C-alpha atoms as a PDB file:
ATOM      1  CA  UNK A   1      13.888 -21.648 -11.620  1.00  0.00           C
ATOM      2  CA  UNK A   2      15.434 -22.248  -8.223  1.00  0.00           C
ATOM      3  CA  UNK A   3      13.798 -21.783  -4.827  1.00  0.00           C
ATOM      4  CA  UNK A   4      15.911 -19.912  -2.321  1.00  0.00           C
ATOM      5  CA  UNK A   5      14.016 -19.773   0.974  1.00  0.00           C
ATOM      6  CA  UNK A   6      11.042 -17.526   0.229  1.00  0.00           C
ATOM      7  CA  UNK A   7      12.517 -16.103  -2.987  1.00  0.00           C
ATOM      8  CA  UNK A   8      12.612 -17.613  -6.438  1.00  0.00           C
ATOM      9  CA  UNK A   9      15.831 -17.412  -8.426  1.00  0.00           C
ATOM     10  CA  UNK A  10      15.781 -17.013 -12.198  1.00  0.00           C
ATOM     11  CA  UNK A  11      18.441 -17.938 -14.715  1.00  0.00           C
ATOM     12  CA  UNK A  12      19.130 -16.026 -17.936  1.00  0.00           C
ATOM     13  CA  UNK A  13      17.413 -18.800 -19.902  1.00  0.00           C
ATOM     14  CA  UNK A  14      14.243 -18.540 -17.816  1.00  0.00           C
ATOM     15  CA  UNK A  15      14.177 -14.755 -18.090  1.00  0.00           C
ATOM     16  CA  UNK A  16      14.615 -14.900 -21.872  1.00  0.00           C
ATOM     17  CA  UNK A  17      11.844 -17.512 -22.103  1.00  0.00           C
ATOM     18  CA  UNK A  18       9.399 -15.329 -20.115  1.00  0.00           C
ATOM     19  CA  UNK A  19      10.179 -12.413 -22.420  1.00  0.00           C
ATOM     20  CA  UNK A  20      10.019 -14.285 -25.729  1.00  0.00           C
ATOM     21  CA  UNK A  21       7.336 -16.915 -25.090  1.00  0.00           C
ATOM     22  CA  UNK A  22       5.110 -15.173 -22.548  1.00  0.00           C
ATOM     23  CA  UNK A  23       5.673 -11.596 -23.795  1.00  0.00           C
ATOM     24  CA  UNK A  24       6.378 -10.395 -20.250  1.00  0.00           C
ATOM     25  CA  UNK A  25       8.308  -7.183 -19.568  1.00  0.00           C
ATOM     26  CA  UNK A  26      10.979  -8.579 -17.253  1.00  0.00           C
ATOM     27  CA  UNK A  27      13.565  -6.089 -15.974  1.00  0.00           C
ATOM     28  CA  UNK A  28      16.469  -6.268 -13.527  1.00  0.00           C
ATOM     29  CA  UNK A  29      17.086  -3.847 -10.660  1.00  0.00           C
ATOM     30  CA  UNK A  30      19.896  -4.244  -8.133  1.00  0.00           C
ATOM     31  CA  UNK A  31      20.152  -7.982  -8.800  1.00  0.00           C
ATOM     32  CA  UNK A  32      16.417  -8.646  -8.421  1.00  0.00           C
ATOM     33  CA  UNK A  33      13.890  -9.645 -11.077  1.00  0.00           C
ATOM     34  CA  UNK A  34      10.726  -7.597 -11.707  1.00  0.00           C
ATOM     35  CA  UNK A  35       7.701  -8.180 -13.924  1.00  0.00           C
ATOM     36  CA  UNK A  36       6.641  -4.786 -15.309  1.00  0.00           C
ATOM     37  CA  UNK A  37       4.248  -6.179 -17.928  1.00  0.00           C
ATOM     38  CA  UNK A  38       1.136  -4.469 -16.551  1.00  0.00           C
ATOM     39  CA  UNK A  39       2.926  -1.465 -15.087  1.00  0.00           C
ATOM     40  CA  UNK A  40       4.598  -0.375 -18.327  1.00  0.00           C
ATOM     41  CA  UNK A  41       1.223   0.764 -19.678  1.00  0.00           C
ATOM     42  CA  UNK A  42       0.777   3.199 -16.789  1.00  0.00           C
ATOM     43  CA  UNK A  43       4.421   4.208 -16.355  1.00  0.00           C
ATOM     44  CA  UNK A  44       4.430   8.029 -15.935  1.00  0.00           C
ATOM     45  CA  UNK A  45       7.167   8.465 -18.528  1.00  0.00           C
ATOM     46  CA  UNK A  46       5.508   6.181 -21.056  1.00  0.00           C
ATOM     47  CA  UNK A  47       5.925   2.458 -21.851  1.00  0.00           C
ATOM     48  CA  UNK A  48       9.074   3.032 -23.919  1.00  0.00           C
ATOM     49  CA  UNK A  49      11.112   3.609 -20.767  1.00  0.00           C
ATOM     50  CA  UNK A  50      10.262   0.079 -19.627  1.00  0.00           C
ATOM     51  CA  UNK A  51      10.525  -1.467 -23.087  1.00  0.00           C
ATOM     52  CA  UNK A  52      14.067  -0.121 -23.493  1.00  0.00           C
ATOM     53  CA  UNK A  53      15.194  -2.256 -20.538  1.00  0.00           C
ATOM     54  CA  UNK A  54      13.270  -5.485 -21.031  1.00  0.00           C
ATOM     55  CA  UNK A  55      15.699  -8.294 -20.249  1.00  0.00           C
ATOM     56  CA  UNK A  56      18.308  -5.782 -19.093  1.00  0.00           C
ATOM     57  CA  UNK A  57      19.530  -4.189 -15.891  1.00  0.00           C
ATOM     58  CA  UNK A  58      17.839  -0.814 -15.355  1.00  0.00           C
ATOM     59  CA  UNK A  59      19.614   0.075 -12.095  1.00  0.00           C
ATOM     60  CA  UNK A  60      21.809   2.821 -13.546  1.00  0.00           C
ATOM     61  CA  UNK A  61      18.922   4.383 -15.477  1.00  0.00           C
ATOM     62  CA  UNK A  62      16.720   4.294 -12.356  1.00  0.00           C
ATOM     63  CA  UNK A  63      19.355   6.183 -10.363  1.00  0.00           C
ATOM     64  CA  UNK A  64      20.015   8.661 -13.164  1.00  0.00           C
ATOM     65  CA  UNK A  65      16.346   9.707 -13.187  1.00  0.00           C
ATOM     66  CA  UNK A  66      16.400  10.292  -9.393  1.00  0.00           C
ATOM     67  CA  UNK A  67      13.265   8.290  -8.679  1.00  0.00           C
ATOM     68  CA  UNK A  68      11.454   8.903  -5.396  1.00  0.00           C
ATOM     69  CA  UNK A  69      10.407   6.532  -2.630  1.00  0.00           C
ATOM     70  CA  UNK A  70       7.011   6.265  -4.289  1.00  0.00           C
ATOM     71  CA  UNK A  71       8.700   4.778  -7.352  1.00  0.00           C
ATOM     72  CA  UNK A  72      10.605   2.349  -5.124  1.00  0.00           C
ATOM     73  CA  UNK A  73       7.357   1.208  -3.527  1.00  0.00           C
ATOM     74  CA  UNK A  74       5.763   0.690  -6.931  1.00  0.00           C
ATOM     75  CA  UNK A  75       8.795  -1.289  -8.055  1.00  0.00           C
ATOM     76  CA  UNK A  76       8.812  -3.366  -4.878  1.00  0.00           C
ATOM     77  CA  UNK A  77       5.324  -4.695  -5.652  1.00  0.00           C
ATOM     78  CA  UNK A  78       6.505  -5.920  -9.064  1.00  0.00           C
ATOM     79  CA  UNK A  79       9.294  -8.125  -7.719  1.00  0.00           C
ATOM     80  CA  UNK A  80       9.037 -11.812  -8.641  1.00  0.00           C
ATOM     81  CA  UNK A  81      12.460 -13.069  -7.519  1.00  0.00           C
ATOM     82  CA  UNK A  82      16.220 -12.700  -7.757  1.00  0.00           C
ATOM     83  CA  UNK A  83      18.910 -13.609 -10.248  1.00  0.00           C
ATOM     84  CA  UNK A  84      20.893 -16.810  -9.912  1.00  0.00           C
ATOM     85  CA  UNK A  85      24.630 -16.259  -9.453  1.00  0.00           C
ATOM     86  CA  UNK A  86      25.237 -17.118 -13.100  1.00  0.00           C
ATOM     87  CA  UNK A  87      22.513 -14.742 -14.291  1.00  0.00           C
ATOM     88  CA  UNK A  88      23.693 -12.029 -11.929  1.00  0.00           C
ATOM     89  CA  UNK A  89      27.155 -12.138 -13.474  1.00  0.00           C
ATOM     90  CA  UNK A  90      25.687 -11.787 -16.971  1.00  0.00           C
ATOM     91  CA  UNK A  91      22.799  -9.349 -16.524  1.00  0.00           C
ATOM     92  CA  UNK A  92      23.420  -7.235 -13.421  1.00  0.00           C
ATOM     93  CA  UNK A  93      25.276  -3.953 -13.785  1.00  0.00           C
ATOM     94  CA  UNK A  94      27.699  -2.793 -11.127  1.00  0.00           C
ATOM     95  CA  UNK A  95      26.855   0.748  -9.998  1.00  0.00           C
ATOM     96  CA  UNK A  96      28.660   3.230  -7.802  1.00  0.00           C
ATOM     97  CA  UNK A  97      25.612   4.389  -5.859  1.00  0.00           C
ATOM     98  CA  UNK A  98      26.450   2.659  -2.606  1.00  0.00           C
ATOM     99  CA  UNK A  99      23.762   0.923  -0.590  1.00  0.00           C
ATOM    100  CA  UNK A 100      20.809  -0.878  -2.117  1.00  0.00           C
ATOM    101  CA  UNK A 101      18.028   1.728  -2.420  1.00  0.00           C
ATOM    102  CA  UNK A 102      15.341  -0.856  -1.698  1.00  0.00           C
ATOM    103  CA  UNK A 103      16.420  -0.598   1.942  1.00  0.00           C
ATOM    104  CA  UNK A 104      14.607   2.744   1.977  1.00  0.00           C
ATOM    105  CA  UNK A 105      11.245   1.018   1.728  1.00  0.00           C
ATOM    106  CA  UNK A 106      11.868  -2.027   3.893  1.00  0.00           C
ATOM    107  CA  UNK A 107       9.526  -2.636   6.813  1.00  0.00           C
ATOM    108  CA  UNK A 108       6.722  -0.785   4.986  1.00  0.00           C
ATOM    109  CA  UNK A 109       4.616  -3.852   4.264  1.00  0.00           C
ATOM    110  CA  UNK A 110       1.213  -2.272   4.903  1.00  0.00           C
ATOM    111  CA  UNK A 111      -0.413  -5.011   2.840  1.00  0.00           C
ATOM    112  CA  UNK A 112       0.337  -7.493   5.631  1.00  0.00           C
ATOM    113  CA  UNK A 113      -2.235  -5.712   7.808  1.00  0.00           C
ATOM    114  CA  UNK A 114      -4.472  -3.881   5.333  1.00  0.00           C
ATOM    115  CA  UNK A 115      -6.327  -5.659   2.515  1.00  0.00           C
ATOM    116  CA  UNK A 116      -7.289  -3.066  -0.169  1.00  0.00           C
ATOM    117  CA  UNK A 117     -10.243  -5.199  -1.308  1.00  0.00           C
ATOM    118  CA  UNK A 118     -11.907  -4.866   2.116  1.00  0.00           C
ATOM    119  CA  UNK A 119     -13.123  -1.844   4.049  1.00  0.00           C
ATOM    120  CA  UNK A 120     -10.032   0.202   4.850  1.00  0.00           C
ATOM    121  CA  UNK A 121     -11.649   2.366   7.548  1.00  0.00           C
ATOM    122  CA  UNK A 122     -12.509  -0.591   9.792  1.00  0.00           C
ATOM    123  CA  UNK A 123      -9.119  -2.237   9.216  1.00  0.00           C
ATOM    124  CA  UNK A 124      -7.221   0.951  10.087  1.00  0.00           C
ATOM    125  CA  UNK A 125      -9.057   1.347  13.400  1.00  0.00           C
ATOM    126  CA  UNK A 126      -8.801  -2.309  14.405  1.00  0.00           C
ATOM    127  CA  UNK A 127      -5.365  -3.366  13.130  1.00  0.00           C
ATOM    128  CA  UNK A 128      -3.057  -0.347  13.400  1.00  0.00           C
ATOM    129  CA  UNK A 129      -1.643   1.328  16.475  1.00  0.00           C
ATOM    130  CA  UNK A 130      -1.215   5.109  16.600  1.00  0.00           C
ATOM    131  CA  UNK A 131       2.292   5.148  15.076  1.00  0.00           C
ATOM    132  CA  UNK A 132       1.260   2.763  12.294  1.00  0.00           C
ATOM    133  CA  UNK A 133      -1.875   4.816  11.657  1.00  0.00           C
ATOM    134  CA  UNK A 134       0.064   8.096  11.312  1.00  0.00           C
ATOM    135  CA  UNK A 135       2.541   6.442   8.976  1.00  0.00           C
ATOM    136  CA  UNK A 136      -0.248   4.873   6.923  1.00  0.00           C
ATOM    137  CA  UNK A 137      -2.337   8.017   6.377  1.00  0.00           C
ATOM    138  CA  UNK A 138       0.622  10.311   5.701  1.00  0.00           C
ATOM    139  CA  UNK A 139       2.195   8.099   3.069  1.00  0.00           C
ATOM    140  CA  UNK A 140       0.855   7.723  -0.520  1.00  0.00           C
ATOM    141  CA  UNK A 141      -0.437   4.290  -1.467  1.00  0.00           C
ATOM    142  CA  UNK A 142      -0.195   2.989  -5.011  1.00  0.00           C
ATOM    143  CA  UNK A 143      -1.984  -0.103  -6.281  1.00  0.00           C
ATOM    144  CA  UNK A 144      -0.239  -1.727  -9.217  1.00  0.00           C
ATOM    145  CA  UNK A 145      -2.261  -4.920  -9.544  1.00  0.00           C
ATOM    146  CA  UNK A 146      -4.738  -4.841 -12.476  1.00  0.00           C
ATOM    147  CA  UNK A 147      -8.298  -4.033 -11.435  1.00  0.00           C
ATOM    148  CA  UNK A 148      -7.389  -3.412  -7.804  1.00  0.00           C
ATOM    149  CA  UNK A 149      -9.116  -0.618  -5.878  1.00  0.00           C
ATOM    150  CA  UNK A 150      -8.795   0.669  -2.341  1.00  0.00           C
ATOM    151  CA  UNK A 151     -12.207   0.303  -0.664  1.00  0.00           C
ATOM    152  CA  UNK A 152     -13.258   2.610   2.158  1.00  0.00           C
ATOM    153  CA  UNK A 153     -16.142   0.451   3.441  1.00  0.00           C
ATOM    154  CA  UNK A 154     -17.179  -3.208   3.216  1.00  0.00           C
ATOM    155  CA  UNK A 155     -20.842  -2.490   2.446  1.00  0.00           C
ATOM    156  CA  UNK A 156     -21.365  -1.678  -1.234  1.00  0.00           C
ATOM    157  CA  UNK A 157     -24.187   0.763  -0.435  1.00  0.00           C
ATOM    158  CA  UNK A 158     -21.976   2.881   1.834  1.00  0.00           C
ATOM    159  CA  UNK A 159     -18.961   2.491  -0.453  1.00  0.00           C
ATOM    160  CA  UNK A 160     -21.005   4.034  -3.271  1.00  0.00           C
ATOM    161  CA  UNK A 161     -20.979   7.380  -1.411  1.00  0.00           C
ATOM    162  CA  UNK A 162     -17.210   7.387  -0.856  1.00  0.00           C
ATOM    163  CA  UNK A 163     -16.225   8.101  -4.443  1.00  0.00           C
ATOM    164  CA  UNK A 164     -17.375  10.431  -7.197  1.00  0.00           C
ATOM    165  CA  UNK A 165     -17.179   9.328 -10.855  1.00  0.00           C
ATOM    166  CA  UNK A 166     -15.908  12.120 -13.113  1.00  0.00           C
ATOM    167  CA  UNK A 167     -19.217  12.436 -14.987  1.00  0.00           C
ATOM    168  CA  UNK A 168     -21.175  13.196 -11.788  1.00  0.00           C
ATOM    169  CA  UNK A 169     -19.562  16.631 -11.681  1.00  0.00           C
ATOM    170  CA  UNK A 170     -20.897  17.499 -15.122  1.00  0.00           C
ATOM    171  CA  UNK A 171     -24.331  16.007 -14.400  1.00  0.00           C
ATOM    172  CA  UNK A 172     -24.690  18.118 -11.253  1.00  0.00           C
ATOM    173  CA  UNK A 173     -23.152  21.434 -12.318  1.00  0.00           C
ATOM    174  CA  UNK A 174     -24.302  21.723 -15.942  1.00  0.00           C
ATOM    175  CA  UNK A 175     -27.970  22.328 -14.993  1.00  0.00           C
ATOM    176  CA  UNK A 176     -26.844  24.806 -12.309  1.00  0.00           C
ATOM    177  CA  UNK A 177     -24.731  26.773 -14.803  1.00  0.00           C
ATOM    178  CA  UNK A 178     -27.521  26.813 -17.394  1.00  0.00           C
ATOM    179  CA  UNK A 179     -30.022  28.008 -14.778  1.00  0.00           C
ATOM    180  CA  UNK A 180     -27.715  30.861 -13.730  1.00  0.00           C
ATOM    181  CA  UNK A 181     -27.181  31.822 -17.378  1.00  0.00           C
ATOM    182  CA  UNK A 182     -30.929  31.940 -17.858  1.00  0.00           C
ATOM    183  CA  UNK A 183     -31.276  34.272 -14.841  1.00  0.00           C
ATOM    184  CA  UNK A 184     -28.427  36.423 -16.118  1.00  0.00           C
ATOM    185  CA  UNK A 185     -30.073  36.683 -19.542  1.00  0.00           C
ATOM    186  CA  UNK A 186     -33.073  38.386 -17.920  1.00  0.00           C
ATOM    187  CA  UNK A 187     -31.059  40.722 -15.686  1.00  0.00           C
ATOM    188  CA  UNK A 188     -27.936  41.604 -17.705  1.00  0.00           C
ATOM    189  CA  UNK A 189     -27.070  42.618 -21.224  1.00  0.00           C
ATOM    190  CA  UNK A 190     -25.563  39.912 -23.396  1.00  0.00           C
ATOM    191  CA  UNK A 191     -22.019  41.407 -23.221  1.00  0.00           C
ATOM    192  CA  UNK A 192     -22.394  41.739 -19.445  1.00  0.00           C
ATOM    193  CA  UNK A 193     -23.596  38.164 -19.118  1.00  0.00           C
ATOM    194  CA  UNK A 194     -20.656  36.882 -21.202  1.00  0.00           C
ATOM    195  CA  UNK A 195     -18.179  38.818 -19.042  1.00  0.00           C
ATOM    196  CA  UNK A 196     -19.736  37.528 -15.817  1.00  0.00           C
ATOM    197  CA  UNK A 197     -19.652  33.972 -17.207  1.00  0.00           C
ATOM    198  CA  UNK A 198     -16.005  34.231 -18.265  1.00  0.00           C
ATOM    199  CA  UNK A 199     -14.728  35.850 -15.074  1.00  0.00           C
ATOM    200  CA  UNK A 200     -17.150  34.332 -12.587  1.00  0.00           C
END
């Protein structure tokens, strides 16, 4: 492992060791090294698409699937370093796609100003100017770190009202539906009640 300014460089031996000894899903994209161990479980196409490229260069496959900027942002958060020159010659694949696609998501480091673990509303109003705010709210945010959530407010009591667990919908609406069925039973025939229920 070699330090290169702010980036760590990995040799083929180190990459193989992380894969074999630590069971990490290390992949290569455009000469950079990414740890997709946690992400492969939630990969939209299924974990096999990551597993097929563990220890390999996935640049060509990434381009072939025409991934969006959202995918680039997700990938960017998984980066752990770059390949050494020796490793780059062995593992990186030369593609004919022109410029490095990671340039598309440069200068989008919203995490430098916004901490997802703290109240986002207050941070947005105190840390972002108008242009940064418009860019922030009109661009999807994806959290790839295990257990991480985007908080709206710092106070737990207020935060509780900012999200709705899936089961709350059933708890609220099931009694309402049953009550309406009971009313319908007294005012409609059974076939009429079934039709109203199905098409209501």
